[in-house]
Amino acid sequence: MFTLSLKYDIVDKFKCDGCGLCCKNINCKHLTEDNKCSIYEIRPDICNVDKGYEMFFKDKMSKQVWYAINYKACDDLKASKKQEENK
């Protein structure tokens, strides 16, 4: 069963730590060697959690739930990376 934690406070903007794992996961061609987006200021809307929410999900769920889904995805990617590093 998929469970979301709403442990994150609602804020005005999604707090991305810039680790680059989501971009690596989709093999983004704009990800630099130091895990930064080379087109960050003009990145597609789908790459922006806040714009994605406003464009596609604001009528379907609360921003808090949307953020929780995205933070969960971040946490899962980081956990997978850590497991790979510990092999």
Protein backbone atom coordinates (compact mmCIF):
# COMPACT_ATOMS: atom_id res chain seq x y z
CA MET A 1 0.00 0.00 0.00
CA PHE A 2 1.23 3.49 -0.85
CA THR A 3 1.26 5.82 2.13
CA LEU A 4 2.13 9.50 2.10
CA SER A 5 3.47 11.42 5.02
CA LEU A 6 2.29 14.98 5.26
CA LYS A 7 5.31 15.80 7.42
CA TYR A 8 6.28 18.71 5.22
CA ASP A 9 4.90 22.12 6.00
CA ILE A 10 3.07 23.91 3.24
CA VAL A 11 5.26 26.63 1.84
CA ASP A 12 5.01 28.97 -1.11
CA LYS A 13 7.57 27.08 -3.14
CA PHE A 14 8.76 23.48 -3.37
CA LYS A 15 12.14 23.15 -1.66
CA CYS A 16 14.36 21.23 -4.05
CA ASP A 17 17.83 20.51 -2.71
CA GLY A 18 19.27 20.31 -6.23
CA CYS A 19 20.68 16.81 -5.88
CA GLY A 20 19.87 16.06 -9.54
CA LEU A 21 18.60 12.52 -8.89
CA CYS A 22 15.20 13.14 -10.48
CA CYS A 23 16.95 14.43 -13.60
CA LYS A 24 19.33 11.45 -13.61
CA ASN A 25 16.35 9.12 -13.24
CA ILE A 26 14.89 10.34 -16.53
CA ASN A 27 18.30 10.69 -18.22
CA CYS A 28 17.79 14.39 -18.80
CA LYS A 29 20.15 15.68 -21.45
CA HIS A 30 20.37 19.05 -19.66
CA LEU A 31 21.91 17.66 -16.47
CA THR A 32 25.53 18.73 -16.09
CA GLU A 33 28.34 16.63 -14.62
CA ASP A 34 27.90 18.41 -11.28
CA ASN A 35 24.17 17.50 -11.20
CA LYS A 36 22.87 20.94 -12.08
CA CYS A 37 20.28 21.81 -14.69
CA SER A 38 21.92 23.67 -17.55
CA ILE A 39 18.58 25.25 -18.53
CA TYR A 40 17.15 25.80 -15.04
CA GLU A 41 15.79 29.30 -15.68
CA ILE A 42 13.99 28.18 -18.87
CA ARG A 43 13.33 24.53 -17.95
CA PRO A 44 10.06 22.96 -19.12
CA ASP A 45 7.07 23.50 -16.85
CA ILE A 46 6.88 19.76 -16.14
CA CYS A 47 10.30 20.03 -14.49
CA ASN A 48 9.01 22.66 -12.07
CA VAL A 49 7.02 21.16 -9.18
CA ASP A 50 5.14 24.37 -8.48
CA LYS A 51 4.21 25.09 -12.11
CA GLY A 52 3.26 21.46 -12.62
CA TYR A 53 0.89 21.70 -9.68
CA GLU A 54 -0.73 24.88 -10.95
CA MET A 55 -1.08 23.57 -14.50
CA PHE A 56 -2.18 19.98 -13.89
CA PHE A 57 -3.10 19.18 -10.29
CA LYS A 58 -4.49 22.18 -8.40
CA ASP A 59 -8.08 21.02 -9.04
CA LYS A 60 -7.25 17.42 -8.12
CA MET A 61 -5.37 17.66 -4.81
CA SER A 62 -4.06 20.08 -2.26
CA LYS A 63 -0.60 21.58 -2.62
CA GLN A 64 0.41 19.80 0.59
CA VAL A 65 -0.45 16.40 -0.91
CA TRP A 66 1.33 17.31 -4.18
CA TYR A 67 4.44 18.31 -2.27
CA ALA A 68 4.27 15.12 -0.18
CA ILE A 69 4.14 13.02 -3.36
CA ASN A 70 7.16 14.84 -4.76
CA TYR A 71 9.15 14.73 -1.50
CA LYS A 72 8.39 11.00 -1.26
CA ALA A 73 9.74 10.50 -4.78
CA CYS A 74 12.89 12.43 -3.78
CA ASP A 75 13.31 10.35 -0.64
CA ASP A 76 12.87 7.12 -2.62
CA LEU A 77 15.46 8.15 -5.22
CA LYS A 78 17.95 9.07 -2.47
CA ALA A 79 17.34 5.77 -0.67
CA SER A 80 17.90 3.82 -3.90
CA LYS A 81 21.14 5.69 -4.53
CA LYS A 82 22.34 4.97 -1.01
CA GLN A 83 21.54 1.26 -1.43
CA GLU A 84 23.52 1.17 -4.67
CA GLU A 85 26.48 2.88 -3.01
CA ASN A 86 26.44 0.36 -0.14
CA LYS A 87 26.60 -2.70 -2.39
